[in-house]
């Protein structure tokens, strides 16, 4: 299969968008559940509906930037040494996101187990998206019946 990390800008952008959107969804869900558990008013819960837009405003560009700066070189290296499977992509994305969360938490001086795993799912989903777009087989229609 002929593909190159250098030719798949769209795959990296799409992967970053998927990761950022999933991070926004995770964050919104966590805040919403916390508000429900503490007995927030219906008005406050209604205001939380705009949370995905607010979080996404930062999460989408941040994840796209991280995919371009960190994910792309890792992908190019893995591609060059022949590691191109779906499993490798998912593990690499989850591991990269875990490392990024450790670095972020060290910079913010706040450690928690939830904080460590917060980015793992979006990282895995982002790298799976890149793998899917870059390495998918072209869908071909079945051959026509001979007449």
N, C-alpha and C. Protein backbone atom coordinates (compact mmCIF):
# COMPACT_ATOMS: atom_id res chain seq x y z
N UNK A 1 0.84 -1.16 0.00
CA UNK A 1 0.00 0.00 0.00
C UNK A 1 0.90 1.23 0.00
N UNK A 2 0.63 2.13 -0.91
CA UNK A 2 1.45 3.33 -1.00
C UNK A 2 0.78 4.48 -0.28
N UNK A 3 1.40 4.90 0.79
CA UNK A 3 0.95 6.07 1.53
C UNK A 3 2.16 6.65 2.22
N UNK A 4 2.09 7.91 2.51
CA UNK A 4 3.20 8.57 3.18
C UNK A 4 2.65 9.57 4.18
N UNK A 5 3.25 9.64 5.36
CA UNK A 5 2.80 10.64 6.34
C UNK A 5 2.90 12.06 5.80
N UNK A 6 3.83 12.30 4.90
CA UNK A 6 3.99 13.65 4.36
C UNK A 6 2.86 14.05 3.44
N UNK A 7 2.17 13.08 2.86
CA UNK A 7 1.10 13.37 1.91
C UNK A 7 -0.28 13.37 2.55
N UNK A 8 -0.38 13.15 3.83
CA UNK A 8 -1.68 12.99 4.49
C UNK A 8 -1.96 14.08 5.51
N UNK A 9 -1.88 15.32 5.05
CA UNK A 9 -2.20 16.44 5.94
C UNK A 9 -3.65 16.35 6.41
N UNK A 10 -4.53 15.98 5.51
CA UNK A 10 -5.94 15.88 5.86
C UNK A 10 -6.20 14.85 6.94
N UNK A 11 -5.47 13.74 6.90
CA UNK A 11 -5.65 12.70 7.92
C UNK A 11 -5.23 13.22 9.29
N UNK A 12 -4.14 13.95 9.35
CA UNK A 12 -3.67 14.51 10.62
C UNK A 12 -4.65 15.57 11.13
N UNK A 13 -5.15 16.41 10.24
CA UNK A 13 -6.13 17.41 10.65
C UNK A 13 -7.42 16.76 11.16
N UNK A 14 -7.87 15.74 10.45
CA UNK A 14 -9.09 15.03 10.87
C UNK A 14 -8.87 14.33 12.21
N UNK A 15 -7.71 13.71 12.39
CA UNK A 15 -7.41 13.06 13.66
C UNK A 15 -7.40 14.06 14.80
N UNK A 16 -6.80 15.21 14.58
CA UNK A 16 -6.80 16.26 15.60
C UNK A 16 -8.20 16.75 15.92
N UNK A 17 -9.04 16.87 14.88
CA UNK A 17 -10.43 17.31 15.10
C UNK A 17 -11.20 16.27 15.91
N UNK A 18 -11.02 14.99 15.60
CA UNK A 18 -11.70 13.92 16.34
C UNK A 18 -11.23 13.91 17.80
N UNK A 19 -9.93 14.00 18.02
CA UNK A 19 -9.40 14.02 19.38
C UNK A 19 -9.90 15.22 20.17
N UNK A 20 -9.89 16.39 19.55
CA UNK A 20 -10.37 17.60 20.23
C UNK A 20 -11.85 17.54 20.54
N UNK A 21 -12.63 17.00 19.60
CA UNK A 21 -14.07 16.89 19.84
C UNK A 21 -14.36 15.89 20.96
N UNK A 22 -13.63 14.78 20.98
CA UNK A 22 -13.84 13.79 22.04
C UNK A 22 -13.40 14.34 23.40
N UNK A 23 -12.31 15.08 23.43
CA UNK A 23 -11.88 15.71 24.68
C UNK A 23 -12.94 16.70 25.17
N UNK A 24 -13.51 17.47 24.26
CA UNK A 24 -14.57 18.41 24.61
C UNK A 24 -15.78 17.68 25.16
N UNK A 25 -16.12 16.56 24.55
CA UNK A 25 -17.26 15.77 25.02
C UNK A 25 -16.99 15.18 26.40
N UNK A 26 -15.79 14.65 26.61
CA UNK A 26 -15.43 14.11 27.93
C UNK A 26 -15.53 15.18 29.01
N UNK A 27 -14.97 16.34 28.73
CA UNK A 27 -14.95 17.42 29.70
C UNK A 27 -16.37 17.88 30.03
N UNK A 28 -17.17 18.04 28.99
CA UNK A 28 -18.55 18.48 29.18
C UNK A 28 -19.34 17.47 29.99
N UNK A 29 -19.17 16.19 29.67
CA UNK A 29 -19.87 15.14 30.39
C UNK A 29 -19.47 15.12 31.87
N UNK A 30 -18.18 15.27 32.13
CA UNK A 30 -17.71 15.28 33.52
C UNK A 30 -18.30 16.46 34.30
N UNK A 31 -18.31 17.64 33.69
CA UNK A 31 -18.86 18.82 34.38
C UNK A 31 -20.36 18.67 34.58
N UNK A 32 -21.05 18.13 33.59
CA UNK A 32 -22.49 17.96 33.68
C UNK A 32 -22.85 16.96 34.78
N UNK A 33 -22.15 15.83 34.83
CA UNK A 33 -22.41 14.83 35.86
C UNK A 33 -22.11 15.40 37.25
N UNK A 34 -21.03 16.14 37.37
CA UNK A 34 -20.70 16.76 38.65
C UNK A 34 -21.78 17.74 39.07
N UNK A 35 -22.31 18.50 38.13
CA UNK A 35 -23.38 19.45 38.45
C UNK A 35 -24.65 18.72 38.87
N UNK A 36 -24.96 17.62 38.20
CA UNK A 36 -26.13 16.83 38.59
C UNK A 36 -25.98 16.26 39.99
N UNK A 37 -24.79 15.76 40.30
CA UNK A 37 -24.55 15.16 41.60
C UNK A 37 -24.62 16.16 42.75
N UNK A 38 -24.27 17.38 42.49
CA UNK A 38 -24.33 18.38 43.56
C UNK A 38 -25.67 19.11 43.59
N UNK A 39 -26.61 18.69 42.72
CA UNK A 39 -27.96 19.25 42.75
C UNK A 39 -28.08 20.61 42.11
N UNK A 40 -27.46 20.79 40.96
CA UNK A 40 -27.52 22.07 40.26
C UNK A 40 -28.95 22.37 39.80
N UNK A 41 -29.24 23.65 39.69
CA UNK A 41 -30.58 24.07 39.26
C UNK A 41 -30.75 23.79 37.77
N UNK A 42 -31.99 23.69 37.30
CA UNK A 42 -32.23 23.47 35.87
C UNK A 42 -31.63 24.59 35.00
N UNK A 43 -31.63 25.80 35.53
CA UNK A 43 -31.05 26.92 34.77
C UNK A 43 -29.54 26.71 34.59
N UNK A 44 -28.87 26.28 35.66
CA UNK A 44 -27.44 26.03 35.57
C UNK A 44 -27.15 24.87 34.60
N UNK A 45 -27.97 23.84 34.66
CA UNK A 45 -27.80 22.71 33.74
C UNK A 45 -28.01 23.15 32.29
N UNK A 46 -28.96 24.04 32.08
CA UNK A 46 -29.20 24.56 30.72
C UNK A 46 -28.00 25.36 30.23
N UNK A 47 -27.38 26.12 31.13
CA UNK A 47 -26.19 26.89 30.75
C UNK A 47 -25.02 25.98 30.40
N UNK A 48 -24.99 24.79 31.01
CA UNK A 48 -23.90 23.85 30.73
C UNK A 48 -23.99 23.28 29.31
N UNK A 49 -25.11 23.47 28.65
CA UNK A 49 -25.26 22.96 27.28
C UNK A 49 -24.32 23.67 26.30
N UNK A 50 -23.85 24.86 26.65
CA UNK A 50 -22.91 25.55 25.78
C UNK A 50 -21.46 25.15 26.07
N UNK A 51 -21.28 24.30 27.07
CA UNK A 51 -19.93 23.88 27.47
C UNK A 51 -19.14 23.26 26.32
N UNK A 52 -19.73 22.40 25.48
CA UNK A 52 -18.93 21.82 24.39
C UNK A 52 -18.35 22.90 23.46
N UNK A 53 -19.09 23.96 23.25
CA UNK A 53 -18.58 25.04 22.39
C UNK A 53 -17.40 25.74 23.05
N UNK A 54 -17.52 26.00 24.34
CA UNK A 54 -16.45 26.70 25.05
C UNK A 54 -15.19 25.84 25.15
N UNK A 55 -15.36 24.58 25.53
CA UNK A 55 -14.21 23.69 25.65
C UNK A 55 -13.64 23.40 24.27
N UNK A 56 -14.51 23.17 23.30
CA UNK A 56 -14.06 22.89 21.94
C UNK A 56 -13.26 24.03 21.33
N UNK A 57 -13.55 25.26 21.76
CA UNK A 57 -12.81 26.42 21.26
C UNK A 57 -11.32 26.29 21.54
N UNK A 58 -10.98 25.64 22.66
CA UNK A 58 -9.59 25.42 23.01
C UNK A 58 -9.10 24.01 22.66
N UNK A 59 -9.98 23.03 22.83
CA UNK A 59 -9.57 21.63 22.63
C UNK A 59 -9.28 21.31 21.17
N UNK A 60 -10.11 21.79 20.26
CA UNK A 60 -9.91 21.46 18.84
C UNK A 60 -8.58 21.99 18.30
N UNK A 61 -8.32 23.29 18.41
CA UNK A 61 -7.02 23.76 17.89
C UNK A 61 -5.84 23.18 18.65
N UNK A 62 -6.01 22.98 19.97
CA UNK A 62 -4.92 22.41 20.75
C UNK A 62 -4.60 20.99 20.33
N UNK A 63 -5.62 20.20 20.08
CA UNK A 63 -5.39 18.81 19.67
C UNK A 63 -4.83 18.75 18.26
N UNK A 64 -5.32 19.60 17.38
CA UNK A 64 -4.79 19.63 16.01
C UNK A 64 -3.32 20.03 16.03
N UNK A 65 -2.98 21.02 16.84
CA UNK A 65 -1.59 21.44 16.97
C UNK A 65 -0.73 20.31 17.53
N UNK A 66 -1.22 19.64 18.56
CA UNK A 66 -0.47 18.52 19.14
C UNK A 66 -0.28 17.40 18.13
N UNK A 67 -1.30 17.12 17.34
CA UNK A 67 -1.17 16.07 16.31
C UNK A 67 -0.12 16.46 15.28
N UNK A 68 -0.08 17.73 14.93
CA UNK A 68 0.90 18.18 13.94
C UNK A 68 2.32 18.21 14.47
N UNK A 69 2.48 18.66 15.71
CA UNK A 69 3.81 18.83 16.28
C UNK A 69 4.37 17.52 16.86
N UNK A 70 3.51 16.77 17.55
CA UNK A 70 3.98 15.55 18.21
C UNK A 70 3.60 14.27 17.46
N UNK A 71 2.35 14.18 17.03
CA UNK A 71 1.87 12.95 16.41
C UNK A 71 2.46 12.67 15.05
N UNK A 72 2.61 13.70 14.25
CA UNK A 72 3.10 13.51 12.89
C UNK A 72 4.52 12.93 12.85
N UNK A 73 5.47 13.47 13.61
CA UNK A 73 6.81 12.87 13.60
C UNK A 73 6.83 11.41 14.09
N UNK A 74 6.01 11.11 15.11
CA UNK A 74 5.94 9.73 15.59
C UNK A 74 5.38 8.83 14.51
N UNK A 75 4.33 9.29 13.83
CA UNK A 75 3.75 8.52 12.74
C UNK A 75 4.77 8.29 11.63
N UNK A 76 5.50 9.34 11.27
CA UNK A 76 6.51 9.20 10.21
C UNK A 76 7.57 8.18 10.60
N UNK A 77 7.99 8.20 11.85
CA UNK A 77 8.98 7.23 12.32
C UNK A 77 8.43 5.81 12.29
N UNK A 78 7.23 5.62 12.83
CA UNK A 78 6.62 4.29 12.83
C UNK A 78 6.39 3.79 11.40
N UNK A 79 5.98 4.68 10.52
CA UNK A 79 5.77 4.32 9.12
C UNK A 79 7.09 3.88 8.48
N UNK A 80 8.14 4.63 8.76
CA UNK A 80 9.45 4.34 8.15
C UNK A 80 10.02 3.00 8.59
N UNK A 81 9.75 2.60 9.84
CA UNK A 81 10.29 1.32 10.31
C UNK A 81 9.31 0.16 10.11
N UNK A 82 8.18 0.44 9.45
CA UNK A 82 7.27 -0.62 9.07
C UNK A 82 6.15 -0.94 10.04
N UNK A 83 5.99 -0.16 11.10
CA UNK A 83 4.89 -0.38 12.04
C UNK A 83 3.69 0.43 11.57
N UNK A 84 2.77 -0.23 10.86
CA UNK A 84 1.65 0.47 10.23
C UNK A 84 0.29 -0.12 10.57
N UNK A 85 0.21 -0.97 11.57
CA UNK A 85 -1.05 -1.63 11.87
C UNK A 85 -1.97 -0.72 12.68
N UNK A 86 -3.22 -1.11 12.70
CA UNK A 86 -4.22 -0.37 13.47
C UNK A 86 -3.88 -0.39 14.95
N UNK A 87 -3.46 -1.52 15.46
CA UNK A 87 -3.12 -1.64 16.88
C UNK A 87 -1.96 -0.72 17.24
N UNK A 88 -0.95 -0.66 16.40
CA UNK A 88 0.20 0.21 16.67
C UNK A 88 -0.26 1.67 16.70
N UNK A 89 -1.13 2.05 15.78
CA UNK A 89 -1.62 3.43 15.75
C UNK A 89 -2.36 3.78 17.03
N UNK A 90 -3.23 2.90 17.49
CA UNK A 90 -4.02 3.17 18.69
C UNK A 90 -3.13 3.25 19.93
N UNK A 91 -2.20 2.31 20.05
CA UNK A 91 -1.29 2.31 21.21
C UNK A 91 -0.39 3.54 21.19
N UNK A 92 0.11 3.89 20.01
CA UNK A 92 0.98 5.07 19.90
C UNK A 92 0.21 6.34 20.27
N UNK A 93 -1.02 6.46 19.81
CA UNK A 93 -1.83 7.64 20.14
C UNK A 93 -2.15 7.72 21.62
N UNK A 94 -2.53 6.59 22.21
CA UNK A 94 -2.85 6.57 23.64
C UNK A 94 -1.60 6.86 24.47
N UNK A 95 -0.48 6.29 24.08
CA UNK A 95 0.77 6.52 24.81
C UNK A 95 1.22 7.97 24.69
N UNK A 96 1.15 8.51 23.49
CA UNK A 96 1.51 9.91 23.29
C UNK A 96 0.62 10.85 24.09
N UNK A 97 -0.67 10.54 24.14
CA UNK A 97 -1.59 11.36 24.93
C UNK A 97 -1.31 11.24 26.42
N UNK A 98 -0.96 10.03 26.86
CA UNK A 98 -0.61 9.83 28.27
C UNK A 98 0.64 10.65 28.63
N UNK A 99 1.63 10.62 27.77
CA UNK A 99 2.85 11.40 28.01
C UNK A 99 2.53 12.89 28.02
N UNK A 100 1.68 13.32 27.08
CA UNK A 100 1.29 14.74 27.04
C UNK A 100 0.55 15.14 28.31
N UNK A 101 -0.31 14.26 28.82
CA UNK A 101 -1.03 14.61 30.05
C UNK A 101 -0.09 14.67 31.25
N UNK A 102 0.93 13.80 31.28
CA UNK A 102 1.92 13.86 32.36
C UNK A 102 2.68 15.18 32.31
N UNK A 103 3.08 15.59 31.11
CA UNK A 103 3.80 16.85 30.95
C UNK A 103 2.91 18.03 31.35
N UNK A 104 1.64 18.00 30.92
CA UNK A 104 0.73 19.09 31.28
C UNK A 104 0.50 19.16 32.78
N UNK A 105 0.31 18.00 33.40
CA UNK A 105 0.07 17.99 34.83
C UNK A 105 1.31 18.40 35.61
N UNK A 106 2.48 18.05 35.13
CA UNK A 106 3.71 18.48 35.80
C UNK A 106 3.84 20.00 35.70
N UNK A 107 3.46 20.55 34.55
CA UNK A 107 3.51 22.00 34.39
C UNK A 107 2.49 22.73 35.23
N UNK A 108 1.36 22.10 35.49
CA UNK A 108 0.31 22.72 36.28
C UNK A 108 0.41 22.39 37.77
N UNK A 109 1.37 21.55 38.13
CA UNK A 109 1.57 21.11 39.52
C UNK A 109 0.32 20.50 40.14
N UNK A 110 -0.41 19.73 39.36
CA UNK A 110 -1.60 19.07 39.90
C UNK A 110 -1.67 17.64 39.38
N UNK A 111 -1.51 16.68 40.27
CA UNK A 111 -1.50 15.27 39.87
C UNK A 111 -2.77 14.58 40.31
N UNK A 112 -3.34 13.80 39.40
CA UNK A 112 -4.46 12.94 39.75
C UNK A 112 -4.51 11.81 38.74
N UNK A 113 -5.06 10.68 39.15
CA UNK A 113 -5.15 9.54 38.25
C UNK A 113 -6.12 9.84 37.11
N UNK A 114 -7.21 10.52 37.42
CA UNK A 114 -8.16 10.89 36.37
C UNK A 114 -7.49 11.82 35.37
N UNK A 115 -6.69 12.74 35.87
CA UNK A 115 -5.99 13.65 34.98
C UNK A 115 -5.02 12.92 34.07
N UNK A 116 -4.42 11.86 34.58
CA UNK A 116 -3.48 11.10 33.75
C UNK A 116 -4.16 10.39 32.59
N UNK A 117 -5.35 9.88 32.84
CA UNK A 117 -6.01 9.12 31.78
C UNK A 117 -6.99 9.96 30.96
N UNK A 118 -7.11 11.24 31.27
CA UNK A 118 -8.07 12.11 30.62
C UNK A 118 -7.87 12.18 29.11
N UNK A 119 -6.63 12.22 28.66
CA UNK A 119 -6.35 12.39 27.24
C UNK A 119 -6.16 11.07 26.49
N UNK A 120 -6.15 9.94 27.19
CA UNK A 120 -5.82 8.67 26.55
C UNK A 120 -6.85 8.29 25.48
N UNK A 121 -8.13 8.35 25.81
CA UNK A 121 -9.16 7.99 24.83
C UNK A 121 -9.16 8.93 23.62
N UNK A 122 -9.14 10.25 23.80
CA UNK A 122 -9.05 11.11 22.62
C UNK A 122 -7.78 10.88 21.80
N UNK A 123 -6.66 10.59 22.46
CA UNK A 123 -5.42 10.32 21.73
C UNK A 123 -5.52 9.06 20.89
N UNK A 124 -6.10 8.01 21.47
CA UNK A 124 -6.29 6.76 20.74
C UNK A 124 -7.26 6.96 19.58
N UNK A 125 -8.34 7.69 19.81
CA UNK A 125 -9.32 7.93 18.74
C UNK A 125 -8.72 8.78 17.63
N UNK A 126 -7.91 9.76 17.99
CA UNK A 126 -7.28 10.61 16.98
C UNK A 126 -6.32 9.81 16.11
N UNK A 127 -5.51 8.98 16.74
CA UNK A 127 -4.55 8.20 15.94
C UNK A 127 -5.24 7.12 15.13
N UNK A 128 -6.33 6.55 15.65
CA UNK A 128 -7.09 5.58 14.85
C UNK A 128 -7.67 6.27 13.62
N UNK A 129 -8.16 7.50 13.79
CA UNK A 129 -8.71 8.25 12.65
C UNK A 129 -7.64 8.49 11.60
N UNK A 130 -6.45 8.88 12.03
CA UNK A 130 -5.35 9.09 11.08
C UNK A 130 -5.03 7.79 10.36
N UNK A 131 -4.93 6.70 11.12
CA UNK A 131 -4.63 5.40 10.50
C UNK A 131 -5.71 5.03 9.50
N UNK A 132 -6.96 5.21 9.87
CA UNK A 132 -8.09 4.82 9.01
C UNK A 132 -8.09 5.62 7.72
N UNK A 133 -7.83 6.90 7.81
CA UNK A 133 -7.84 7.73 6.60
C UNK A 133 -6.60 7.52 5.74
N UNK A 134 -5.47 7.25 6.36
CA UNK A 134 -4.22 7.13 5.60
C UNK A 134 -4.02 5.75 5.00
N UNK A 135 -4.47 4.71 5.69
CA UNK A 135 -4.16 3.36 5.25
C UNK A 135 -5.37 2.56 4.78
N UNK A 136 -6.51 3.16 4.68
CA UNK A 136 -7.69 2.40 4.28
C UNK A 136 -7.53 1.88 2.85
N UNK A 137 -8.14 0.77 2.61
CA UNK A 137 -8.14 0.21 1.27
C UNK A 137 -9.20 0.95 0.46
N UNK A 138 -8.91 1.18 -0.77
CA UNK A 138 -9.90 1.80 -1.63
C UNK A 138 -11.06 0.82 -1.82
N UNK A 139 -12.26 1.34 -1.67
CA UNK A 139 -13.44 0.49 -1.85
C UNK A 139 -13.70 0.35 -3.34
N UNK A 140 -13.70 -0.87 -3.79
CA UNK A 140 -13.92 -1.12 -5.21
C UNK A 140 -15.22 -1.89 -5.39
N UNK A 141 -15.99 -1.51 -6.38
CA UNK A 141 -17.22 -2.27 -6.63
C UNK A 141 -16.86 -3.66 -7.17
N UNK A 142 -17.75 -4.62 -6.96
CA UNK A 142 -17.46 -5.95 -7.51
C UNK A 142 -17.42 -5.91 -9.03
N UNK A 143 -16.69 -6.83 -9.63
CA UNK A 143 -16.61 -6.81 -11.10
C UNK A 143 -17.97 -7.09 -11.72
N UNK A 144 -18.18 -6.52 -12.87
CA UNK A 144 -19.44 -6.72 -13.58
C UNK A 144 -19.52 -8.16 -14.09
N UNK A 145 -20.75 -8.65 -14.16
CA UNK A 145 -20.95 -10.00 -14.68
C UNK A 145 -20.66 -10.03 -16.17
N UNK A 146 -20.04 -11.08 -16.62
CA UNK A 146 -19.82 -11.15 -18.07
C UNK A 146 -21.15 -11.33 -18.79
N UNK A 147 -21.23 -10.69 -19.96
CA UNK A 147 -22.49 -10.80 -20.70
C UNK A 147 -22.39 -11.73 -21.87
